[in-house]
C-alpha atoms as a PDB file:
ATOM      1  CA  MET A   1       1.220  10.754 -21.019  1.00  0.00           C
ATOM      2  CA  ARG A   2       2.541  10.056 -24.201  1.00  0.00           C
ATOM      3  CA  LYS A   3       0.935   9.533 -27.389  1.00  0.00           C
ATOM      4  CA  ILE A   4       2.377   7.396 -30.030  1.00  0.00           C
ATOM      5  CA  LEU A   5       1.252   7.822 -33.922  1.00  0.00           C
ATOM      6  CA  LEU A   6       1.135   4.620 -35.818  1.00  0.00           C
ATOM      7  CA  ILE A   7       0.537   4.535 -39.604  1.00  0.00           C
ATOM      8  CA  VAL A   8      -1.360   1.337 -40.526  1.00  0.00           C
ATOM      9  CA  ALA A   9      -1.866   0.146 -44.068  1.00  0.00           C
ATOM     10  CA  LEU A  10      -4.966  -1.393 -45.084  1.00  0.00           C
ATOM     11  CA  GLY A  11      -5.872  -3.591 -47.927  1.00  0.00           C
ATOM     12  CA  CYS A  12      -3.748  -5.577 -50.110  1.00  0.00           C
ATOM     13  CA  VAL A  13      -2.010  -4.458 -53.224  1.00  0.00           C
ATOM     14  CA  ALA A  14      -3.259  -6.627 -56.300  1.00  0.00           C
ATOM     15  CA  PHE A  15      -0.855  -6.681 -59.669  1.00  0.00           C
ATOM     16  CA  GLY A  16       0.145  -3.478 -60.856  1.00  0.00           C
ATOM     17  CA  ALA A  17      -1.469  -1.162 -58.392  1.00  0.00           C
ATOM     18  CA  ALA A  18      -0.406   2.299 -57.838  1.00  0.00           C
ATOM     19  CA  ALA A  19       1.031   3.236 -54.543  1.00  0.00           C
ATOM     20  CA  GLN A  20      -1.644   5.909 -54.081  1.00  0.00           C
ATOM     21  CA  ASP A  21      -4.160   2.989 -54.358  1.00  0.00           C
ATOM     22  CA  ILE A  22      -3.246   1.657 -51.159  1.00  0.00           C
ATOM     23  CA  PRO A  23      -5.759   3.362 -48.454  1.00  0.00           C
ATOM     24  CA  HIS A  24      -3.842   4.715 -45.112  1.00  0.00           C
ATOM     25  CA  GLU A  25      -5.505   4.905 -41.731  1.00  0.00           C
ATOM     26  CA  THR A  26      -3.982   7.236 -38.917  1.00  0.00           C
ATOM     27  CA  VAL A  27      -4.665   5.269 -35.374  1.00  0.00           C
ATOM     28  CA  GLU A  28      -3.953   7.491 -32.385  1.00  0.00           C
ATOM     29  CA  VAL A  29      -2.675   4.756 -29.509  1.00  0.00           C
ATOM     30  CA  LYS A  30      -2.410   6.254 -26.493  1.00  0.00           C
ATOM     31  CA  ALA A  31      -0.210   5.273 -23.665  1.00  0.00           C
ATOM     32  CA  LEU A  32      -1.648   3.056 -20.724  1.00  0.00           C
ATOM     33  CA  PRO A  33      -2.899   5.394 -17.700  1.00  0.00           C
ATOM     34  CA  GLY A  34      -0.801   5.371 -14.667  1.00  0.00           C
ATOM     35  CA  PRO A  35      -1.960   5.273 -10.648  1.00  0.00           C
ATOM     36  CA  ALA A  36      -3.660   8.666  -9.626  1.00  0.00           C
ATOM     37  CA  VAL A  37      -1.492  11.559  -8.564  1.00  0.00           C
ATOM     38  CA  TRP A  38      -1.841  14.727  -6.880  1.00  0.00           C
ATOM     39  CA  HIS A  39      -0.152  17.820  -7.943  1.00  0.00           C
ATOM     40  CA  LEU A  40       0.570  20.800  -5.453  1.00  0.00           C
ATOM     41  CA  THR A  41       2.434  24.130  -6.445  1.00  0.00           C
ATOM     42  CA  ARG A  42       3.745  27.134  -4.942  1.00  0.00           C
ATOM     43  CA  GLY A  43       5.439  29.590  -6.820  1.00  0.00           C
ATOM     44  CA  GLU A  44       8.207  27.708  -8.942  1.00  0.00           C
ATOM     45  CA  SER A  45       7.977  24.936  -6.603  1.00  0.00           C
ATOM     46  CA  GLU A  46       5.905  21.474  -7.121  1.00  0.00           C
ATOM     47  CA  VAL A  47       4.867  18.252  -5.610  1.00  0.00           C
ATOM     48  CA  TRP A  48       3.458  15.417  -6.913  1.00  0.00           C
ATOM     49  CA  ILE A  49       1.845  12.972  -4.868  1.00  0.00           C
ATOM     50  CA  LEU A  50       1.354   9.177  -5.236  1.00  0.00           C
ATOM     51  CA  GLY A  51      -1.102   7.364  -3.420  1.00  0.00           C
ATOM     52  CA  THR A  52      -0.895   3.658  -3.025  1.00  0.00           C
ATOM     53  CA  ILE A  53      -2.813   1.203  -1.504  1.00  0.00           C
ATOM     54  CA  GLY A  54      -1.305  -1.706   0.118  1.00  0.00           C
ATOM     55  CA  ALA A  55      -0.112  -5.070  -1.255  1.00  0.00           C
ATOM     56  CA  LEU A  56      -0.485  -5.677  -4.956  1.00  0.00           C
ATOM     57  CA  PRO A  57      -1.466  -8.733  -6.873  1.00  0.00           C
ATOM     58  CA  ARG A  58       1.663 -10.018  -8.092  1.00  0.00           C
ATOM     59  CA  ASP A  59       0.435 -10.842 -11.793  1.00  0.00           C
ATOM     60  CA  LEU A  60      -0.336  -6.952 -11.951  1.00  0.00           C
ATOM     61  CA  GLU A  61       0.810  -4.688 -14.745  1.00  0.00           C
ATOM     62  CA  TRP A  62       1.154  -0.924 -14.285  1.00  0.00           C
ATOM     63  CA  ASN A  63       2.514   1.625 -16.347  1.00  0.00           C
ATOM     64  CA  LYS A  64       5.682   2.426 -14.624  1.00  0.00           C
ATOM     65  CA  ALA A  65       6.845   4.339 -17.541  1.00  0.00           C
ATOM     66  CA  TYR A  66       4.061   6.734 -16.203  1.00  0.00           C
ATOM     67  CA  LEU A  67       6.023   7.026 -12.904  1.00  0.00           C
ATOM     68  CA  SER A  68       9.667   7.226 -14.617  1.00  0.00           C
ATOM     69  CA  ASP A  69       8.233   9.786 -16.441  1.00  0.00           C
ATOM     70  CA  LEU A  70       7.202  11.880 -13.224  1.00  0.00           C
ATOM     71  CA  LEU A  71      10.382  10.948 -12.087  1.00  0.00           C
ATOM     72  CA  GLU A  72      12.572  12.820 -14.556  1.00  0.00           C
ATOM     73  CA  GLY A  73      14.034  15.790 -13.302  1.00  0.00           C
ATOM     74  CA  ALA A  74      12.722  15.340  -9.457  1.00  0.00           C
ATOM     75  CA  ARG A  75      14.957  16.770  -6.830  1.00  0.00           C
ATOM     76  CA  ALA A  76      13.732  13.916  -3.893  1.00  0.00           C
ATOM     77  CA  ILE A  77      11.464  11.341  -3.707  1.00  0.00           C
ATOM     78  CA  VAL A  78      10.067  10.794  -0.098  1.00  0.00           C
ATOM     79  CA  MET A  79       8.795   7.371   0.628  1.00  0.00           C
ATOM     80  CA  PRO A  80       6.407   5.872   3.245  1.00  0.00           C
ATOM     81  CA  PRO A  81       7.818   4.793   6.851  1.00  0.00           C
ATOM     82  CA  ARG A  82      10.489   2.319   7.378  1.00  0.00           C
ATOM     83  CA  PRO A  83      11.097  -0.123  10.155  1.00  0.00           C
ATOM     84  CA  SER A  84      14.159   0.729  12.005  1.00  0.00           C
ATOM     85  CA  ILE A  85      15.057  -2.808  12.234  1.00  0.00           C
ATOM     86  CA  GLY A  86      17.606  -5.030  10.951  1.00  0.00           C
ATOM     87  CA  ILE A  87      17.892  -9.050   9.731  1.00  0.00           C
ATOM     88  CA  LEU A  88      19.961  -9.492  12.795  1.00  0.00           C
ATOM     89  CA  GLU A  89      18.096  -7.614  15.183  1.00  0.00           C
ATOM     90  CA  GLY A  90      14.824  -9.308  14.041  1.00  0.00           C
ATOM     91  CA  ALA A  91      16.260 -12.905  14.579  1.00  0.00           C
ATOM     92  CA  TRP A  92      17.656 -12.098  17.943  1.00  0.00           C
ATOM     93  CA  PHE A  93      14.367 -10.552  18.891  1.00  0.00           C
ATOM     94  CA  LEU A  94      12.269 -14.176  17.454  1.00  0.00           C
ATOM     95  CA  ILE A  95      14.971 -16.350  19.375  1.00  0.00           C
ATOM     96  CA  VAL A  96      14.542 -14.577  22.922  1.00  0.00           C
ATOM     97  CA  ASN A  97      10.842 -13.678  22.377  1.00  0.00           C
ATOM     98  CA  GLY A  98       9.309 -16.956  20.461  1.00  0.00           C
ATOM     99  CA  SER A  99       7.748 -18.383  23.338  1.00  0.00           C
ATOM    100  CA  LYS A 100       5.678 -15.442  23.832  1.00  0.00           C
ATOM    101  CA  LEU A 101       3.872 -16.364  20.326  1.00  0.00           C
ATOM    102  CA  SER A 102       2.821 -19.511  21.576  1.00  0.00           C
ATOM    103  CA  LEU A 103       0.033 -20.570  23.661  1.00  0.00           C
ATOM    104  CA  PRO A 104       0.727 -22.379  27.160  1.00  0.00           C
ATOM    105  CA  ARG A 105       1.082 -26.179  26.690  1.00  0.00           C
ATOM    106  CA  GLY A 106      -2.137 -27.844  26.743  1.00  0.00           C
ATOM    107  CA  GLN A 107      -4.075 -24.977  25.308  1.00  0.00           C
ATOM    108  CA  ALA A 108      -5.434 -24.603  21.597  1.00  0.00           C
ATOM    109  CA  LEU A 109      -6.284 -21.255  19.997  1.00  0.00           C
ATOM    110  CA  GLU A 110      -9.952 -21.973  19.219  1.00  0.00           C
ATOM    111  CA  ALA A 111     -10.616 -23.274  22.564  1.00  0.00           C
ATOM    112  CA  ILE A 112      -9.724 -20.086  24.089  1.00  0.00           C
ATOM    113  CA  LEU A 113     -11.673 -17.841  21.869  1.00  0.00           C
ATOM    114  CA  SER A 114     -15.535 -16.772  21.963  1.00  0.00           C
ATOM    115  CA  ASP A 115     -18.266 -18.387  20.556  1.00  0.00           C
ATOM    116  CA  ASP A 116     -18.830 -15.790  18.022  1.00  0.00           C
ATOM    117  CA  LEU A 117     -14.957 -14.936  17.078  1.00  0.00           C
ATOM    118  CA  ARG A 118     -14.322 -18.753  17.121  1.00  0.00           C
ATOM    119  CA  ALA A 119     -16.927 -19.250  14.257  1.00  0.00           C
ATOM    120  CA  ARG A 120     -15.576 -16.006  12.377  1.00  0.00           C
ATOM    121  CA  PHE A 121     -12.388 -17.097  12.583  1.00  0.00           C
ATOM    122  CA  ILE A 122     -12.947 -20.874  11.444  1.00  0.00           C
ATOM    123  CA  ALA A 123     -14.823 -19.594   8.117  1.00  0.00           C
ATOM    124  CA  THR A 124     -12.328 -17.349   7.144  1.00  0.00           C
ATOM    125  CA  ARG A 125      -9.254 -19.711   7.691  1.00  0.00           C
ATOM    126  CA  THR A 126     -11.542 -22.766   5.900  1.00  0.00           C
ATOM    127  CA  ARG A 127     -11.943 -20.270   3.215  1.00  0.00           C
ATOM    128  CA  LEU A 128      -7.777 -19.762   2.695  1.00  0.00           C
ATOM    129  CA  GLY A 129      -7.747 -23.648   2.807  1.00  0.00           C
ATOM    130  CA  GLU A 130      -6.319 -23.780   6.051  1.00  0.00           C
ATOM    131  CA  ASP A 131      -7.091 -26.359   8.913  1.00  0.00           C
ATOM    132  CA  GLU A 132      -7.444 -25.787  12.835  1.00  0.00           C
ATOM    133  CA  GLY A 133      -3.815 -27.522  13.312  1.00  0.00           C
ATOM    134  CA  GLN A 134      -2.325 -24.265  11.323  1.00  0.00           C
ATOM    135  CA  TYR A 135      -3.040 -22.109  14.242  1.00  0.00           C
ATOM    136  CA  ARG A 136      -3.501 -24.511  17.062  1.00  0.00           C
ATOM    137  CA  THR A 137      -0.597 -23.140  19.185  1.00  0.00           C
ATOM    138  CA  ASP A 138      -0.476 -19.576  18.274  1.00  0.00           C
ATOM    139  CA  THR A 139      -1.571 -16.778  20.449  1.00  0.00           C
ATOM    140  CA  PRO A 140      -4.475 -14.739  19.123  1.00  0.00           C
ATOM    141  CA  ILE A 141      -1.953 -12.036  18.206  1.00  0.00           C
ATOM    142  CA  ARG A 142       0.312 -14.497  16.558  1.00  0.00           C
ATOM    143  CA  ALA A 143      -2.758 -15.900  14.766  1.00  0.00           C
ATOM    144  CA  ALA A 144      -3.853 -12.122  13.724  1.00  0.00           C
ATOM    145  CA  ILE A 145      -0.546 -12.053  11.871  1.00  0.00           C
ATOM    146  CA  ARG A 146      -0.686 -15.067  10.296  1.00  0.00           C
ATOM    147  CA  LEU A 147      -4.385 -14.981   8.914  1.00  0.00           C
ATOM    148  CA  GLN A 148      -3.232 -11.823   7.173  1.00  0.00           C
ATOM    149  CA  GLN A 149       0.127 -13.505   5.761  1.00  0.00           C
ATOM    150  CA  ASP A 150      -2.057 -16.544   5.127  1.00  0.00           C
ATOM    151  CA  PHE A 151      -4.436 -14.572   3.059  1.00  0.00           C
ATOM    152  CA  ARG A 152      -1.523 -12.874   1.031  1.00  0.00           C
ATOM    153  CA  ASP A 153      -0.009 -15.918  -0.089  1.00  0.00           C
ATOM    154  CA  LYS A 154      -3.459 -17.576  -1.362  1.00  0.00           C
ATOM    155  CA  ALA A 155      -4.267 -14.147  -3.210  1.00  0.00           C
ATOM    156  CA  ARG A 156      -0.821 -13.660  -4.467  1.00  0.00           C
ATOM    157  CA  LEU A 157      -0.406 -10.613  -2.987  1.00  0.00           C
ATOM    158  CA  SER A 158       3.040  -8.628  -2.555  1.00  0.00           C
ATOM    159  CA  GLY A 159       3.427  -6.700   0.220  1.00  0.00           C
ATOM    160  CA  ARG A 160       6.984  -5.183  -1.322  1.00  0.00           C
ATOM    161  CA  GLU A 161       4.885  -3.454  -4.176  1.00  0.00           C
ATOM    162  CA  PRO A 162       4.624  -1.055  -5.657  1.00  0.00           C
ATOM    163  CA  ASN A 163       7.169   0.619  -3.233  1.00  0.00           C
ATOM    164  CA  SER A 164      10.028  -1.570  -4.002  1.00  0.00           C
ATOM    165  CA  THR A 165       9.180  -0.999  -7.660  1.00  0.00           C
ATOM    166  CA  ILE A 166       9.146   2.624  -7.293  1.00  0.00           C
ATOM    167  CA  ALA A 167      12.477   3.137  -5.009  1.00  0.00           C
ATOM    168  CA  SER A 168      14.200   1.126  -8.125  1.00  0.00           C
ATOM    169  CA  LEU A 169      13.075   3.726 -10.553  1.00  0.00           C
ATOM    170  CA  ALA A 170      13.908   6.534  -8.490  1.00  0.00           C
ATOM    171  CA  ARG A 171      17.611   4.773  -8.277  1.00  0.00           C
ATOM    172  CA  SER A 172      17.888   4.488 -12.167  1.00  0.00           C
ATOM    173  CA  LYS A 173      16.879   8.204 -12.236  1.00  0.00           C
ATOM    174  CA  HIS A 174      19.525   9.355  -9.600  1.00  0.00           C
ATOM    175  CA  VAL A 175      17.042  10.613  -7.287  1.00  0.00           C
ATOM    176  CA  ALA A 176      17.607  11.038  -3.780  1.00  0.00           C
ATOM    177  CA  SER A 177      15.274   8.893  -1.582  1.00  0.00           C
ATOM    178  CA  ALA A 178      14.699   8.954   2.223  1.00  0.00           C
ATOM    179  CA  PRO A 179      11.473   7.495   3.932  1.00  0.00           C
ATOM    180  CA  ILE A 180       9.029  10.086   5.897  1.00  0.00           C
ATOM    181  CA  ALA A 181      10.143   8.279   9.305  1.00  0.00           C
ATOM    182  CA  LYS A 182      11.685   5.434  10.863  1.00  0.00           C
ATOM    183  CA  ILE A 183       9.685   3.350  13.067  1.00  0.00           C
ATOM    184  CA  GLU A 184      11.076   1.758  16.345  1.00  0.00           C
ATOM    185  CA  VAL A 185      10.011  -1.657  15.523  1.00  0.00           C
ATOM    186  CA  LEU A 186      11.564  -3.816  18.418  1.00  0.00           C
ATOM    187  CA  ASP A 187       9.902  -1.255  21.191  1.00  0.00           C
ATOM    188  CA  ALA A 188       6.411  -1.946  19.849  1.00  0.00           C
ATOM    189  CA  ALA A 189       6.986  -5.406  19.324  1.00  0.00           C
ATOM    190  CA  ARG A 190       7.602  -5.521  22.807  1.00  0.00           C
ATOM    191  CA  ASP A 191       4.269  -3.523  23.651  1.00  0.00           C
ATOM    192  CA  VAL A 192       2.314  -6.184  21.704  1.00  0.00           C
ATOM    193  CA  LEU A 193       3.584  -9.241  23.360  1.00  0.00           C
ATOM    194  CA  ARG A 194       2.596  -7.606  26.409  1.00  0.00           C
ATOM    195  CA  LEU A 195      -1.226  -7.539  25.376  1.00  0.00           C
ATOM    196  CA  ASN A 196      -3.433 -10.063  27.057  1.00  0.00           C
ATOM    197  CA  ILE A 197      -5.542 -12.835  25.702  1.00  0.00           C
ATOM    198  CA  ALA A 198      -8.746 -10.368  25.982  1.00  0.00           C
ATOM    199  CA  GLN A 199      -7.046  -7.611  24.164  1.00  0.00           C
ATOM    200  CA  GLN A 200      -5.136  -9.991  21.642  1.00  0.00           C
ATOM    201  CA  SER A 201      -8.670 -11.444  20.606  1.00  0.00           C
ATOM    202  CA  VAL A 202      -9.665  -8.120  19.558  1.00  0.00           C
ATOM    203  CA  CYS A 203      -6.855  -7.749  16.917  1.00  0.00           C
ATOM    204  CA  LEU A 204      -7.760 -11.392  15.889  1.00  0.00           C
ATOM    205  CA  ALA A 205     -11.363 -10.295  15.372  1.00  0.00           C
ATOM    206  CA  GLN A 206     -10.166  -7.097  13.109  1.00  0.00           C
ATOM    207  CA  SER A 207      -7.681  -9.311  11.315  1.00  0.00           C
ATOM    208  CA  VAL A 208     -10.477 -11.410  10.546  1.00  0.00           C
ATOM    209  CA  GLU A 209     -12.514  -8.627   9.169  1.00  0.00           C
ATOM    210  CA  ASP A 210      -9.539  -7.390   7.636  1.00  0.00           C
ATOM    211  CA  VAL A 211      -9.329 -10.777   5.471  1.00  0.00           C
ATOM    212  CA  ASP A 212     -13.001 -10.874   4.492  1.00  0.00           C
ATOM    213  CA  GLN A 213     -13.140  -7.065   3.267  1.00  0.00           C
ATOM    214  CA  GLN A 214      -9.693  -7.899   1.432  1.00  0.00           C
ATOM    215  CA  SER A 215     -11.100 -11.032  -0.063  1.00  0.00           C
ATOM    216  CA  ALA A 216     -13.755  -9.124  -1.869  1.00  0.00           C
ATOM    217  CA  HIS A 217     -12.219  -5.876  -2.401  1.00  0.00           C
ATOM    218  CA  ALA A 218      -8.259  -6.079  -2.731  1.00  0.00           C
ATOM    219  CA  ASP A 219      -7.967  -7.262  -6.198  1.00  0.00           C
ATOM    220  CA  ILE A 220     -10.571  -4.625  -7.558  1.00  0.00           C
ATOM    221  CA  ALA A 221      -8.905  -1.720  -5.675  1.00  0.00           C
ATOM    222  CA  ALA A 222      -5.304  -2.853  -7.011  1.00  0.00           C
ATOM    223  CA  ARG A 223      -6.658  -2.703 -10.621  1.00  0.00           C
ATOM    224  CA  ALA A 224      -8.326   0.511 -10.140  1.00  0.00           C
ATOM    225  CA  TRP A 225      -5.338   1.857  -8.532  1.00  0.00           C
ATOM    226  CA  ALA A 226      -3.226   0.848 -11.734  1.00  0.00           C
ATOM    227  CA  ILE A 227      -5.248   2.682 -14.130  1.00  0.00           C
ATOM    228  CA  GLY A 228      -5.786   5.766 -11.699  1.00  0.00           C
ATOM    229  CA  ASP A 229      -9.376   5.336 -11.343  1.00  0.00           C
ATOM    230  CA  ILE A 230      -9.831   6.726  -7.962  1.00  0.00           C
ATOM    231  CA  LYS A 231     -13.583   6.380  -7.303  1.00  0.00           C
ATOM    232  CA  THR A 232     -13.388   2.577  -7.420  1.00  0.00           C
ATOM    233  CA  VAL A 233     -10.207   2.875  -5.301  1.00  0.00           C
ATOM    234  CA  LYS A 234     -12.379   4.744  -2.960  1.00  0.00           C
ATOM    235  CA  ALA A 235     -15.042   2.124  -3.209  1.00  0.00           C
ATOM    236  CA  HIS A 236     -13.199  -0.816  -2.390  1.00  0.00           C
ATOM    237  CA  TYR A 237     -10.072   0.290  -0.445  1.00  0.00           C
ATOM    238  CA  ALA A 238     -10.151   0.174   3.503  1.00  0.00           C
ATOM    239  CA  GLU A 239      -7.326   0.580   6.089  1.00  0.00           C
ATOM    240  CA  SER A 240      -6.144  -2.337   8.078  1.00  0.00           C
ATOM    241  CA  ARG A 241      -8.347  -2.874  11.224  1.00  0.00           C
ATOM    242  CA  LEU A 242      -5.389  -5.114  12.325  1.00  0.00           C
ATOM    243  CA  GLY A 243      -3.178  -2.134  12.330  1.00  0.00           C
ATOM    244  CA  ASP A 244      -5.636   0.099  14.032  1.00  0.00           C
ATOM    245  CA  CYS A 245      -5.807  -2.522  17.046  1.00  0.00           C
ATOM    246  CA  VAL A 246      -1.963  -2.977  17.167  1.00  0.00           C
ATOM    247  CA  ILE A 247      -1.298   0.776  17.064  1.00  0.00           C
ATOM    248  CA  ALA A 248      -4.100   1.682  19.792  1.00  0.00           C
ATOM    249  CA  ALA A 249      -2.137  -0.920  21.883  1.00  0.00           C
ATOM    250  CA  VAL A 250       1.222   0.028  21.703  1.00  0.00           C
ATOM    251  CA  ASN A 251       2.155   3.058  23.961  1.00  0.00           C
ATOM    252  CA  SER A 252       5.925   3.212  22.431  1.00  0.00           C
ATOM    253  CA  ILE A 253       5.039   4.808  19.377  1.00  0.00           C
ATOM    254  CA  GLY A 254       2.092   6.724  20.341  1.00  0.00           C
ATOM    255  CA  ASN A 255      -0.536   7.730  18.185  1.00  0.00           C
ATOM    256  CA  ILE A 256       1.419   6.681  15.009  1.00  0.00           C
ATOM    257  CA  ALA A 257      -1.388   7.703  12.675  1.00  0.00           C
ATOM    258  CA  GLU A 258      -1.564  11.263  13.781  1.00  0.00           C
ATOM    259  CA  LYS A 259       2.321  11.497  13.398  1.00  0.00           C
ATOM    260  CA  ASN A 260       2.033  10.124  10.191  1.00  0.00           C
ATOM    261  CA  VAL A 261      -0.380  12.931   8.755  1.00  0.00           C
ATOM    262  CA  ALA A 262       1.751  15.635  10.656  1.00  0.00           C
ATOM    263  CA  ASP A 263       5.007  14.201   9.228  1.00  0.00           C
ATOM    264  CA  TYR A 264       3.553  14.061   5.328  1.00  0.00           C
ATOM    265  CA  THR A 265       1.927  17.676   6.022  1.00  0.00           C
ATOM    266  CA  GLY A 266       5.083  19.046   7.050  1.00  0.00           C
ATOM    267  CA  ALA A 267       7.414  17.373   4.411  1.00  0.00           C
ATOM    268  CA  VAL A 268       5.192  18.475   1.432  1.00  0.00           C
ATOM    269  CA  ASP A 269       5.017  22.377   3.089  1.00  0.00           C
ATOM    270  CA  ALA A 270       8.634  21.921   3.258  1.00  0.00           C
ATOM    271  CA  ALA A 271       9.177  20.700  -0.207  1.00  0.00           C
ATOM    272  CA  LEU A 272       7.059  23.373  -1.767  1.00  0.00           C
ATOM    273  CA  ASN A 273       9.536  26.103  -0.199  1.00  0.00           C
ATOM    274  CA  GLN A 274      12.350  24.931  -2.375  1.00  0.00           C
ATOM    275  CA  PRO A 275      12.680  25.191  -6.039  1.00  0.00           C
ATOM    276  CA  GLY A 276      12.156  21.871  -8.224  1.00  0.00           C
ATOM    277  CA  LYS A 277      10.051  18.927  -8.354  1.00  0.00           C
ATOM    278  CA  THR A 278       9.733  16.306  -5.033  1.00  0.00           C
ATOM    279  CA  ILE A 279       7.686  13.059  -5.606  1.00  0.00           C
ATOM    280  CA  VAL A 280       5.709  12.199  -2.043  1.00  0.00           C
ATOM    281  CA  VAL A 281       4.508   8.104  -2.092  1.00  0.00           C
ATOM    282  CA  ILE A 282       1.895   7.844   0.826  1.00  0.00           C
ATOM    283  CA  ASP A 283      -1.201   5.411   1.240  1.00  0.00           C
ATOM    284  CA  MET A 284      -4.382   6.273   0.670  1.00  0.00           C
ATOM    285  CA  GLY A 285      -5.892   6.029   4.152  1.00  0.00           C
ATOM    286  CA  THR A 286      -2.883   8.578   5.494  1.00  0.00           C
ATOM    287  CA  LEU A 287      -3.952  10.915   2.201  1.00  0.00           C
ATOM    288  CA  LEU A 288      -7.559  10.993   1.936  1.00  0.00           C
ATOM    289  CA  ARG A 289      -8.868  10.520   5.359  1.00  0.00           C
ATOM    290  CA  THR A 290     -11.021  12.925   7.176  1.00  0.00           C
ATOM    291  CA  ASN A 291      -8.360  15.634   8.399  1.00  0.00           C
ATOM    292  CA  GLY A 292      -5.638  13.476   6.713  1.00  0.00           C
ATOM    293  CA  VAL A 293      -2.756  14.756   4.426  1.00  0.00           C
ATOM    294  CA  LEU A 294      -4.625  16.541   1.810  1.00  0.00           C
ATOM    295  CA  ALA A 295      -7.386  17.993   3.917  1.00  0.00           C
ATOM    296  CA  ARG A 296      -4.665  19.605   5.893  1.00  0.00           C
ATOM    297  CA  LEU A 297      -3.079  20.732   2.909  1.00  0.00           C
ATOM    298  CA  ALA A 298      -6.039  22.283   1.440  1.00  0.00           C
ATOM    299  CA  ALA A 299      -6.556  24.286   4.664  1.00  0.00           C
ATOM    300  CA  LYS A 300      -3.155  25.505   3.898  1.00  0.00           C
ATOM    301  CA  LYS A 301      -4.398  27.278   0.809  1.00  0.00           C
ATOM    302  CA  ILE A 302      -1.994  25.250  -1.414  1.00  0.00           C
ATOM    303  CA  ALA A 303      -2.940  24.866  -4.846  1.00  0.00           C
ATOM    304  CA  ILE A 304      -4.057  21.240  -5.333  1.00  0.00           C
ATOM    305  CA  GLU A 305      -5.092  19.564  -8.505  1.00  0.00           C
ATOM    306  CA  GLY A 306      -6.265  16.158  -8.054  1.00  0.00           C
ATOM    307  CA  PRO A 307      -7.314  13.379 -10.168  1.00  0.00           C
ATOM    308  CA  ALA A 308     -10.897  13.290 -11.573  1.00  0.00           C
ATOM    309  CA  GLU A 309     -13.359  10.765 -10.204  1.00  0.00           C
END
């Protein structure tokens, strides 16, 4: 977005050399590209959509100045859904329900799994450097969540990024920020704890699939995201299967995937009815899936300029 002209003097100055004898070369240095954005317009209103892909490598360098420039003069930024739970509520919930995340005395996780799932789970947790004892007393759903966290720790992925940086940049620019929705986590967690072992095992199998996929593709997708290489992002990014499993089993939040698409579509449409610039941060799955946000906005005949692939 920005270009810097740098004049570099080449060569050495010999004794008695005249100034005009020193050769000069003009080198054009382009700023690093940033993550892909989609630009939507209606009249005097505009919305910039920034797609995200989940946790990022902790050592990932990406062009934050690119986003900072984009936030300049924005009237608002819409952030992803935020859990409604506070730290104290979460702690109390774990105190009251912690026993439901452990198997009955005398049972061991790997002993209750099917042969196929046991083999897949052992192979995956072994690649992460974890032994059987790490998960021995876990229910399948707790093991599913722990497996993903262990993978993030080993792969040095930060679940807070890039959203934490985006929110910080918005505050520095005094741009009003709000989540698209709040998720009632406690009710959802209670529903998850009611799943029987067979249902939990399905979620564990999908967690294993997530970790196997991310082990091969997460780093590639993240580094492509950082430079706006949307073609590579699409080739390596996948939505969480564990998330799909949990959502399918949780009655209290309904079809949250559909709700997210509808909420974002409505928020963008509403923003385009107000003068000025709005920034919207949304995960790539919700944005790009079949009948996702981008497809629904296009169906409304909204002008959309997207990144080249």
